[in-house]
Amino acid sequence: MHVDIVPVGEVDAVVKREASAGLRAVYDCDVTVHGTQPVPEDAYDSSRDQYRAEEFIDLAKRVGDGTKNIGITPKDLFYHRRNYVFGLAYLGGSGSVISTYRLRTSSDGGFSNQSAEDIFEDRVRKEVVHEIGHTLGLEHCDNKRCVMNFSPTVREVDLKEENLCGTCQRTIL
């Protein structure tokens, strides 16, 4: 499998590095990081002061030519009636997106020995692995430690591991 990372907007080098590392570690895949793309003009919803996640997925699929493509953006994303999303992917599709906007939210995550930057990097890796998991056909997992567990808050992201549980791992093999 080959995953193309498509930075959209100003994505710092640490985010690109951690996203690549997470994908390689969990999926043992090749990763290419593309050049930075401008934020899609039609993605912004002024009534919400947020961006439509679907537009970023479409951009990632247009720019990337990997088996799987993931957009990464610092913009605040939403999807339909949800207040916000950390990421979005279409089950079994080739495109996905994550937003780092809310991943910097403070939460000790129960990891008082970790710096805020370490916690942020962990969150980036988990969300990228989670969204690519959806493109591989994985649905949300009931195992609270599995990276595929639904985590609508950063606290819940912090509690899960970066890896797939045994059941999810067997599902994609």
N, C-alpha and C. Protein backbone atom coordinates (compact mmCIF):
# COMPACT_ATOMS: atom_id res chain seq x y z
N MET A 1 0.85 -1.18 0.00
CA MET A 1 0.00 0.00 0.00
C MET A 1 0.89 1.24 0.00
N HIS A 2 0.41 2.27 -0.67
CA HIS A 2 1.10 3.56 -0.72
C HIS A 2 0.13 4.64 -0.26
N VAL A 3 0.56 5.46 0.70
CA VAL A 3 -0.26 6.55 1.21
C VAL A 3 0.38 7.88 0.83
N ASP A 4 -0.42 8.76 0.24
CA ASP A 4 0.04 10.10 -0.07
C ASP A 4 -0.53 11.06 0.97
N ILE A 5 0.35 11.83 1.60
CA ILE A 5 -0.05 12.87 2.53
C ILE A 5 -0.08 14.18 1.75
N VAL A 6 -1.22 14.87 1.84
CA VAL A 6 -1.39 16.13 1.13
C VAL A 6 -1.62 17.24 2.16
N PRO A 7 -0.56 18.03 2.47
CA PRO A 7 -0.75 19.15 3.39
C PRO A 7 -1.61 20.23 2.74
N VAL A 8 -2.60 20.72 3.48
CA VAL A 8 -3.51 21.75 2.96
C VAL A 8 -3.46 22.93 3.92
N GLY A 9 -2.91 24.05 3.46
CA GLY A 9 -2.68 25.17 4.35
C GLY A 9 -1.32 25.00 5.01
N GLU A 10 -1.05 25.79 6.04
CA GLU A 10 0.27 25.77 6.67
C GLU A 10 0.39 24.63 7.69
N VAL A 11 0.95 23.53 7.24
CA VAL A 11 1.15 22.34 8.07
C VAL A 11 2.64 22.26 8.40
N ASP A 12 2.97 22.25 9.69
CA ASP A 12 4.39 22.27 10.03
C ASP A 12 5.06 20.92 9.83
N ALA A 13 6.39 20.95 9.77
CA ALA A 13 7.19 19.77 9.48
C ALA A 13 6.99 18.66 10.50
N VAL A 14 6.78 19.03 11.76
CA VAL A 14 6.58 18.02 12.82
C VAL A 14 5.33 17.20 12.53
N VAL A 15 4.26 17.86 12.11
CA VAL A 15 3.00 17.16 11.81
C VAL A 15 3.22 16.19 10.64
N LYS A 16 3.88 16.64 9.59
CA LYS A 16 4.15 15.76 8.44
C LYS A 16 4.99 14.56 8.86
N ARG A 17 6.02 14.81 9.67
CA ARG A 17 6.90 13.73 10.13
C ARG A 17 6.15 12.71 10.98
N GLU A 18 5.34 13.20 11.93
CA GLU A 18 4.62 12.29 12.82
C GLU A 18 3.55 11.51 12.07
N ALA A 19 2.87 12.15 11.14
CA ALA A 19 1.86 11.46 10.33
C ALA A 19 2.52 10.34 9.53
N SER A 20 3.63 10.64 8.90
CA SER A 20 4.37 9.63 8.11
C SER A 20 4.81 8.48 9.00
N ALA A 21 5.37 8.81 10.17
CA ALA A 21 5.87 7.79 11.08
C ALA A 21 4.76 6.88 11.57
N GLY A 22 3.61 7.46 11.92
CA GLY A 22 2.48 6.66 12.39
C GLY A 22 1.98 5.69 11.34
N LEU A 23 1.85 6.18 10.11
CA LEU A 23 1.37 5.32 9.02
C LEU A 23 2.35 4.19 8.73
N ARG A 24 3.63 4.51 8.69
CA ARG A 24 4.64 3.48 8.42
C ARG A 24 4.66 2.43 9.53
N ALA A 25 4.57 2.88 10.78
CA ALA A 25 4.66 1.97 11.92
C ALA A 25 3.48 1.00 11.96
N VAL A 26 2.27 1.49 11.72
CA VAL A 26 1.08 0.65 11.87
C VAL A 26 0.76 -0.14 10.62
N TYR A 27 0.91 0.48 9.45
CA TYR A 27 0.50 -0.19 8.20
C TYR A 27 1.67 -0.69 7.36
N ASP A 28 2.90 -0.43 7.79
CA ASP A 28 4.08 -0.86 7.05
C ASP A 28 3.94 -0.50 5.56
N CYS A 29 3.62 0.77 5.31
CA CYS A 29 3.35 1.22 3.95
C CYS A 29 4.38 2.26 3.51
N ASP A 30 4.40 2.51 2.21
CA ASP A 30 5.20 3.60 1.67
C ASP A 30 4.40 4.88 1.83
N VAL A 31 5.08 5.97 2.16
CA VAL A 31 4.41 7.25 2.35
C VAL A 31 5.13 8.32 1.54
N THR A 32 4.36 9.13 0.82
CA THR A 32 4.89 10.29 0.11
C THR A 32 4.19 11.52 0.66
N VAL A 33 4.97 12.56 0.96
CA VAL A 33 4.40 13.82 1.40
C VAL A 33 4.47 14.79 0.22
N HIS A 34 3.33 15.26 -0.21
CA HIS A 34 3.25 16.20 -1.33
C HIS A 34 3.52 17.62 -0.87
N GLY A 35 3.65 18.51 -1.84
CA GLY A 35 3.81 19.92 -1.53
C GLY A 35 2.51 20.48 -0.97
N THR A 36 2.62 21.59 -0.29
CA THR A 36 1.47 22.23 0.34
C THR A 36 0.47 22.74 -0.69
N GLN A 37 -0.79 22.44 -0.45
CA GLN A 37 -1.89 22.88 -1.31
C GLN A 37 -2.64 24.02 -0.64
N PRO A 38 -3.20 24.94 -1.43
CA PRO A 38 -4.02 25.99 -0.83
C PRO A 38 -5.34 25.43 -0.31
N VAL A 39 -5.87 26.07 0.70
CA VAL A 39 -7.16 25.67 1.26
C VAL A 39 -8.24 25.89 0.18
N PRO A 40 -9.09 24.89 -0.07
CA PRO A 40 -10.13 25.06 -1.08
C PRO A 40 -11.06 26.22 -0.73
N GLU A 41 -11.21 27.16 -1.66
CA GLU A 41 -12.01 28.36 -1.40
C GLU A 41 -13.46 28.02 -1.07
N ASP A 42 -14.01 27.03 -1.74
CA ASP A 42 -15.42 26.71 -1.53
C ASP A 42 -15.68 25.87 -0.28
N ALA A 43 -14.64 25.55 0.49
CA ALA A 43 -14.80 24.73 1.69
C ALA A 43 -15.27 25.54 2.90
N TYR A 44 -15.06 26.83 2.88
CA TYR A 44 -15.36 27.65 4.05
C TYR A 44 -16.85 27.94 4.18
N ASP A 45 -17.37 27.73 5.39
CA ASP A 45 -18.76 28.03 5.70
C ASP A 45 -18.75 29.20 6.69
N SER A 46 -19.08 30.39 6.21
CA SER A 46 -18.98 31.59 7.04
C SER A 46 -19.98 31.57 8.21
N SER A 47 -21.10 30.87 8.06
CA SER A 47 -22.08 30.83 9.14
C SER A 47 -21.55 30.01 10.33
N ARG A 48 -20.62 29.12 10.07
CA ARG A 48 -20.04 28.29 11.14
C ARG A 48 -18.61 28.70 11.49
N ASP A 49 -17.98 29.48 10.61
CA ASP A 49 -16.57 29.83 10.73
C ASP A 49 -15.71 28.56 10.80
N GLN A 50 -16.08 27.60 9.94
CA GLN A 50 -15.38 26.33 9.85
C GLN A 50 -15.33 25.91 8.37
N TYR A 51 -14.65 24.81 8.14
CA TYR A 51 -14.46 24.31 6.78
C TYR A 51 -15.10 22.93 6.62
N ARG A 52 -15.71 22.69 5.45
CA ARG A 52 -16.33 21.40 5.14
C ARG A 52 -15.25 20.35 4.88
N ALA A 53 -15.25 19.31 5.67
CA ALA A 53 -14.23 18.27 5.58
C ALA A 53 -14.21 17.59 4.22
N GLU A 54 -15.37 17.42 3.62
CA GLU A 54 -15.46 16.70 2.33
C GLU A 54 -14.61 17.36 1.25
N GLU A 55 -14.53 18.68 1.28
CA GLU A 55 -13.75 19.41 0.26
C GLU A 55 -12.26 19.06 0.36
N PHE A 56 -11.79 18.82 1.57
CA PHE A 56 -10.39 18.48 1.78
C PHE A 56 -10.11 17.05 1.32
N ILE A 57 -11.09 16.17 1.51
CA ILE A 57 -10.94 14.79 1.01
C ILE A 57 -10.86 14.81 -0.51
N ASP A 58 -11.73 15.56 -1.15
CA ASP A 58 -11.72 15.65 -2.62
C ASP A 58 -10.38 16.18 -3.12
N LEU A 59 -9.84 17.19 -2.44
CA LEU A 59 -8.54 17.74 -2.82
C LEU A 59 -7.44 16.69 -2.65
N ALA A 60 -7.44 15.97 -1.55
CA ALA A 60 -6.42 14.94 -1.31
C ALA A 60 -6.47 13.87 -2.40
N LYS A 61 -7.66 13.51 -2.82
CA LYS A 61 -7.79 12.49 -3.88
C LYS A 61 -7.31 13.02 -5.23
N ARG A 62 -7.52 14.31 -5.50
CA ARG A 62 -7.07 14.91 -6.76
C ARG A 62 -5.55 15.04 -6.82
N VAL A 63 -4.94 15.43 -5.71
CA VAL A 63 -3.50 15.70 -5.68
C VAL A 63 -2.71 14.41 -5.50
N GLY A 64 -3.16 13.57 -4.58
CA GLY A 64 -2.45 12.33 -4.29
C GLY A 64 -2.69 11.29 -5.36
N ASP A 65 -1.71 10.45 -5.54
CA ASP A 65 -1.89 9.35 -6.49
C ASP A 65 -1.55 8.01 -5.84
N GLY A 66 -1.61 8.00 -4.51
CA GLY A 66 -1.35 6.78 -3.78
C GLY A 66 -2.58 5.89 -3.74
N THR A 67 -2.42 4.69 -3.22
CA THR A 67 -3.54 3.79 -3.01
C THR A 67 -4.54 4.47 -2.08
N LYS A 68 -3.99 5.18 -1.08
CA LYS A 68 -4.78 5.94 -0.11
C LYS A 68 -4.19 7.34 -0.03
N ASN A 69 -5.05 8.34 0.15
CA ASN A 69 -4.62 9.73 0.19
C ASN A 69 -5.24 10.40 1.41
N ILE A 70 -4.42 11.18 2.14
CA ILE A 70 -4.95 11.86 3.31
C ILE A 70 -4.50 13.32 3.31
N GLY A 71 -5.49 14.20 3.42
CA GLY A 71 -5.20 15.61 3.58
C GLY A 71 -4.96 15.90 5.05
N ILE A 72 -4.03 16.82 5.32
CA ILE A 72 -3.78 17.25 6.69
C ILE A 72 -3.85 18.77 6.68
N THR A 73 -4.64 19.32 7.59
CA THR A 73 -4.84 20.77 7.62
C THR A 73 -4.91 21.28 9.05
N PRO A 74 -4.49 22.53 9.27
CA PRO A 74 -4.67 23.15 10.57
C PRO A 74 -6.05 23.81 10.71
N LYS A 75 -6.87 23.75 9.67
CA LYS A 75 -8.18 24.40 9.68
C LYS A 75 -9.18 23.59 10.51
N ASP A 76 -10.16 24.28 11.08
CA ASP A 76 -11.20 23.65 11.89
C ASP A 76 -12.25 23.05 10.94
N LEU A 77 -12.43 21.74 11.00
CA LEU A 77 -13.33 21.04 10.07
C LEU A 77 -14.63 20.63 10.73
N PHE A 78 -15.68 20.53 9.90
CA PHE A 78 -16.94 19.97 10.35
C PHE A 78 -17.49 19.06 9.25
N TYR A 79 -18.46 18.24 9.64
CA TYR A 79 -19.12 17.36 8.69
C TYR A 79 -20.59 17.29 9.06
N HIS A 80 -21.44 17.67 8.14
CA HIS A 80 -22.89 17.70 8.35
C HIS A 80 -23.25 18.38 9.67
N ARG A 81 -23.95 17.71 10.54
CA ARG A 81 -24.44 18.36 11.77
C ARG A 81 -23.48 18.26 12.95
N ARG A 82 -22.35 17.65 12.75
CA ARG A 82 -21.39 17.57 13.85
C ARG A 82 -20.74 18.94 14.09
N ASN A 83 -20.52 19.25 15.35
CA ASN A 83 -19.90 20.54 15.68
C ASN A 83 -18.50 20.66 15.10
N TYR A 84 -17.76 19.56 15.10
CA TYR A 84 -16.41 19.52 14.54
C TYR A 84 -16.02 18.06 14.33
N VAL A 85 -14.98 17.85 13.54
CA VAL A 85 -14.40 16.51 13.41
C VAL A 85 -12.88 16.64 13.46
N PHE A 86 -12.24 15.65 14.06
CA PHE A 86 -10.78 15.57 14.03
C PHE A 86 -10.35 15.07 12.66
N GLY A 87 -11.21 14.28 12.04
CA GLY A 87 -10.90 13.73 10.73
C GLY A 87 -12.14 13.12 10.12
N LEU A 88 -12.01 12.74 8.85
CA LEU A 88 -13.11 12.13 8.13
C LEU A 88 -12.55 11.27 7.02
N ALA A 89 -13.19 10.14 6.80
CA ALA A 89 -12.82 9.25 5.68
C ALA A 89 -14.07 8.53 5.24
N TYR A 90 -14.10 8.18 3.98
CA TYR A 90 -15.20 7.38 3.46
C TYR A 90 -14.78 5.92 3.54
N LEU A 91 -15.62 5.12 4.19
CA LEU A 91 -15.32 3.71 4.41
C LEU A 91 -14.97 3.02 3.10
N GLY A 92 -13.76 2.47 3.04
CA GLY A 92 -13.32 1.74 1.87
C GLY A 92 -12.90 2.62 0.70
N GLY A 93 -12.93 3.93 0.87
CA GLY A 93 -12.55 4.85 -0.21
C GLY A 93 -11.06 5.09 -0.26
N SER A 94 -10.65 6.02 -1.10
CA SER A 94 -9.21 6.30 -1.21
C SER A 94 -8.81 7.60 -0.52
N GLY A 95 -9.79 8.43 -0.14
CA GLY A 95 -9.46 9.73 0.43
C GLY A 95 -9.90 9.89 1.87
N SER A 96 -9.16 10.75 2.58
CA SER A 96 -9.46 11.05 3.98
C SER A 96 -8.81 12.39 4.33
N VAL A 97 -9.09 12.87 5.53
CA VAL A 97 -8.52 14.13 6.00
C VAL A 97 -8.45 14.12 7.51
N ILE A 98 -7.44 14.81 8.06
CA ILE A 98 -7.44 15.11 9.50
C ILE A 98 -7.18 16.60 9.67
N SER A 99 -7.69 17.12 10.78
CA SER A 99 -7.46 18.51 11.16
C SER A 99 -6.67 18.51 12.46
N THR A 100 -5.63 19.33 12.51
CA THR A 100 -4.85 19.45 13.75
C THR A 100 -5.41 20.55 14.65
N TYR A 101 -6.41 21.25 14.18
CA TYR A 101 -6.94 22.43 14.88
C TYR A 101 -7.29 22.14 16.33
N ARG A 102 -8.06 21.11 16.59
CA ARG A 102 -8.51 20.80 17.95
C ARG A 102 -7.62 19.78 18.65
N LEU A 103 -6.63 19.24 17.96
CA LEU A 103 -5.73 18.27 18.59
C LEU A 103 -4.74 18.95 19.53
N ARG A 104 -4.63 20.26 19.45
CA ARG A 104 -3.75 21.00 20.36
C ARG A 104 -4.46 21.39 21.65
N THR A 105 -5.75 21.06 21.75
CA THR A 105 -6.52 21.38 22.95
C THR A 105 -5.83 20.80 24.17
N SER A 106 -5.79 21.57 25.22
CA SER A 106 -5.09 21.08 26.40
C SER A 106 -5.90 20.00 27.10
N SER A 107 -5.18 18.99 27.51
CA SER A 107 -5.73 17.88 28.28
C SER A 107 -4.51 17.12 28.73
N ASP A 108 -4.44 16.80 29.99
CA ASP A 108 -3.25 16.06 30.42
C ASP A 108 -3.29 14.63 29.91
N GLY A 109 -4.47 14.18 29.49
CA GLY A 109 -4.59 12.86 28.92
C GLY A 109 -4.19 11.75 29.87
N GLY A 110 -3.95 12.12 31.14
CA GLY A 110 -3.50 11.10 32.08
C GLY A 110 -2.02 10.79 31.92
N PHE A 111 -1.34 11.60 31.10
CA PHE A 111 0.07 11.35 30.83
C PHE A 111 0.89 12.53 31.33
N SER A 112 0.90 12.74 32.64
CA SER A 112 1.56 13.91 33.20
C SER A 112 3.05 13.96 32.91
N ASN A 113 3.65 12.83 32.54
CA ASN A 113 5.07 12.81 32.23
C ASN A 113 5.36 13.20 30.78
N GLN A 114 4.33 13.50 29.99
CA GLN A 114 4.51 13.89 28.60
C GLN A 114 4.33 15.40 28.45
N SER A 115 5.13 15.98 27.56
CA SER A 115 4.97 17.40 27.28
C SER A 115 3.75 17.60 26.39
N ALA A 116 3.27 18.83 26.33
CA ALA A 116 2.12 19.16 25.47
C ALA A 116 2.44 18.81 24.01
N GLU A 117 3.68 19.03 23.60
CA GLU A 117 4.06 18.73 22.20
C GLU A 117 4.05 17.22 21.95
N ASP A 118 4.53 16.43 22.92
CA ASP A 118 4.50 14.97 22.77
C ASP A 118 3.06 14.47 22.66
N ILE A 119 2.18 15.02 23.47
CA ILE A 119 0.77 14.62 23.44
C ILE A 119 0.16 14.97 22.09
N PHE A 120 0.46 16.18 21.59
CA PHE A 120 -0.03 16.60 20.28
C PHE A 120 0.46 15.66 19.18
N GLU A 121 1.73 15.31 19.20
CA GLU A 121 2.30 14.41 18.18
C GLU A 121 1.63 13.04 18.24
N ASP A 122 1.37 12.53 19.44
CA ASP A 122 0.66 11.25 19.59
C ASP A 122 -0.72 11.34 18.95
N ARG A 123 -1.41 12.44 19.19
CA ARG A 123 -2.75 12.62 18.64
C ARG A 123 -2.73 12.64 17.12
N VAL A 124 -1.76 13.32 16.54
CA VAL A 124 -1.64 13.37 15.08
C VAL A 124 -1.46 11.96 14.53
N ARG A 125 -0.55 11.20 15.11
CA ARG A 125 -0.31 9.82 14.64
C ARG A 125 -1.59 8.98 14.75
N LYS A 126 -2.28 9.08 15.88
CA LYS A 126 -3.49 8.29 16.09
C LYS A 126 -4.58 8.65 15.09
N GLU A 127 -4.78 9.93 14.84
CA GLU A 127 -5.85 10.34 13.93
C GLU A 127 -5.56 9.95 12.48
N VAL A 128 -4.32 10.06 12.06
CA VAL A 128 -3.96 9.65 10.69
C VAL A 128 -4.16 8.14 10.54
N VAL A 129 -3.70 7.38 11.50
CA VAL A 129 -3.86 5.92 11.46
C VAL A 129 -5.35 5.56 11.47
N HIS A 130 -6.13 6.26 12.28
CA HIS A 130 -7.58 6.02 12.38
C HIS A 130 -8.27 6.26 11.04
N GLU A 131 -8.01 7.40 10.42
CA GLU A 131 -8.71 7.72 9.16
C GLU A 131 -8.28 6.81 8.02
N ILE A 132 -7.01 6.48 7.93
CA ILE A 132 -6.58 5.52 6.90
C ILE A 132 -7.20 4.16 7.18
N GLY A 133 -7.38 3.81 8.44
CA GLY A 133 -8.07 2.57 8.79
C GLY A 133 -9.47 2.51 8.19
N HIS A 134 -10.18 3.62 8.23
CA HIS A 134 -11.51 3.67 7.60
C HIS A 134 -11.41 3.42 6.10
N THR A 135 -10.40 4.00 5.45
CA THR A 135 -10.27 3.78 4.00
C THR A 135 -9.97 2.32 3.69
N LEU A 136 -9.42 1.62 4.66
CA LEU A 136 -9.15 0.18 4.49
C LEU A 136 -10.35 -0.69 4.85
N GLY A 137 -11.47 -0.04 5.15
CA GLY A 137 -12.71 -0.77 5.43
C GLY A 137 -13.00 -1.00 6.90
N LEU A 138 -12.17 -0.47 7.78
CA LEU A 138 -12.40 -0.65 9.22
C LEU A 138 -13.44 0.34 9.73
N GLU A 139 -14.38 -0.17 10.49
CA GLU A 139 -15.37 0.69 11.13
C GLU A 139 -14.89 0.99 12.54
N HIS A 140 -15.66 1.76 13.30
CA HIS A 140 -15.28 2.06 14.67
C HIS A 140 -15.30 0.77 15.50
N CYS A 141 -14.31 0.65 16.37
CA CYS A 141 -14.10 -0.55 17.19
C CYS A 141 -14.57 -0.29 18.62
N ASP A 142 -15.15 -1.30 19.25
CA ASP A 142 -15.62 -1.17 20.64
C ASP A 142 -14.48 -1.22 21.66
N ASN A 143 -13.31 -1.69 21.24
CA ASN A 143 -12.16 -1.76 22.13
C ASN A 143 -11.63 -0.34 22.39
N LYS A 144 -11.74 0.11 23.62
CA LYS A 144 -11.37 1.50 23.97
C LYS A 144 -9.88 1.79 23.75
N ARG A 145 -9.04 0.77 23.68
CA ARG A 145 -7.61 0.97 23.48
C ARG A 145 -7.23 0.98 22.00
N CYS A 146 -8.10 0.46 21.16
CA CYS A 146 -7.82 0.36 19.72
C CYS A 146 -7.86 1.74 19.08
N VAL A 147 -6.96 2.00 18.17
CA VAL A 147 -6.92 3.28 17.46
C VAL A 147 -8.20 3.52 16.66
N MET A 148 -8.95 2.47 16.35
CA MET A 148 -10.19 2.61 15.59
C MET A 148 -11.41 2.90 16.48
N ASN A 149 -11.20 3.01 17.79
CA ASN A 149 -12.30 3.38 18.69
C ASN A 149 -12.74 4.80 18.38
N PHE A 150 -14.05 5.04 18.37
CA PHE A 150 -14.59 6.38 18.13
C PHE A 150 -14.19 7.28 19.28
N SER A 151 -13.57 8.40 18.97
CA SER A 151 -13.10 9.30 20.02
C SER A 151 -13.46 10.75 19.68
N PRO A 152 -14.62 11.20 20.15
CA PRO A 152 -15.07 12.55 19.82
C PRO A 152 -14.41 13.67 20.64
N THR A 153 -13.61 13.32 21.65
CA THR A 153 -12.91 14.34 22.44
C THR A 153 -11.42 14.00 22.48
N VAL A 154 -10.59 15.01 22.73
CA VAL A 154 -9.16 14.73 22.81
C VAL A 154 -8.83 13.81 23.97
N ARG A 155 -9.60 13.89 25.03
CA ARG A 155 -9.37 12.99 26.17
C ARG A 155 -9.49 11.54 25.73
N GLU A 156 -10.50 11.25 24.92
CA GLU A 156 -10.67 9.88 24.42
C GLU A 156 -9.59 9.50 23.41
N VAL A 157 -9.13 10.44 22.63
CA VAL A 157 -8.00 10.18 21.73
C VAL A 157 -6.78 9.80 22.57
N ASP A 158 -6.55 10.56 23.64
CA ASP A 158 -5.39 10.31 24.50
C ASP A 158 -5.42 8.93 25.15
N LEU A 159 -6.61 8.42 25.44
CA LEU A 159 -6.72 7.14 26.14
C LEU A 159 -6.48 5.92 25.25
N LYS A 160 -6.66 6.09 23.94
CA LYS A 160 -6.46 4.93 23.08
C LYS A 160 -5.01 4.84 22.63
N GLU A 161 -4.65 3.67 22.14
CA GLU A 161 -3.29 3.43 21.66
C GLU A 161 -3.19 3.81 20.19
N GLU A 162 -1.96 3.85 19.70
CA GLU A 162 -1.71 4.20 18.30
C GLU A 162 -1.94 3.00 17.37
N ASN A 163 -2.08 1.83 17.93
CA ASN A 163 -2.14 0.60 17.13
C ASN A 163 -3.55 0.04 17.01
N LEU A 164 -3.71 -0.84 16.03
CA LEU A 164 -4.96 -1.58 15.84
C LEU A 164 -5.00 -2.72 16.86
N CYS A 165 -6.19 -3.04 17.36
CA CYS A 165 -6.33 -4.22 18.21
C CYS A 165 -6.19 -5.46 17.31
N GLY A 166 -6.12 -6.61 17.90
CA GLY A 166 -5.96 -7.84 17.14
C GLY A 166 -7.10 -8.08 16.15
N THR A 167 -8.32 -7.79 16.56
CA THR A 167 -9.48 -8.00 15.69
C THR A 167 -9.39 -7.10 14.46
N CYS A 168 -9.10 -5.83 14.65
CA CYS A 168 -9.00 -4.91 13.51
C CYS A 168 -7.81 -5.26 12.62
N GLN A 169 -6.72 -5.65 13.24
CA GLN A 169 -5.52 -6.04 12.47
C GLN A 169 -5.85 -7.23 11.56
N ARG A 170 -6.55 -8.21 12.09
CA ARG A 170 -6.92 -9.39 11.27
C ARG A 170 -7.90 -9.03 10.17
N THR A 171 -8.73 -8.03 10.40
CA THR A 171 -9.74 -7.62 9.42
C THR A 171 -9.09 -7.08 8.15
N ILE A 172 -7.96 -6.37 8.27
CA ILE A 172 -7.33 -5.78 7.08
C ILE A 172 -6.32 -6.69 6.41
N LEU A 173 -5.99 -7.78 7.04
CA LEU A 173 -5.01 -8.69 6.42
C LEU A 173 -5.61 -9.55 5.33
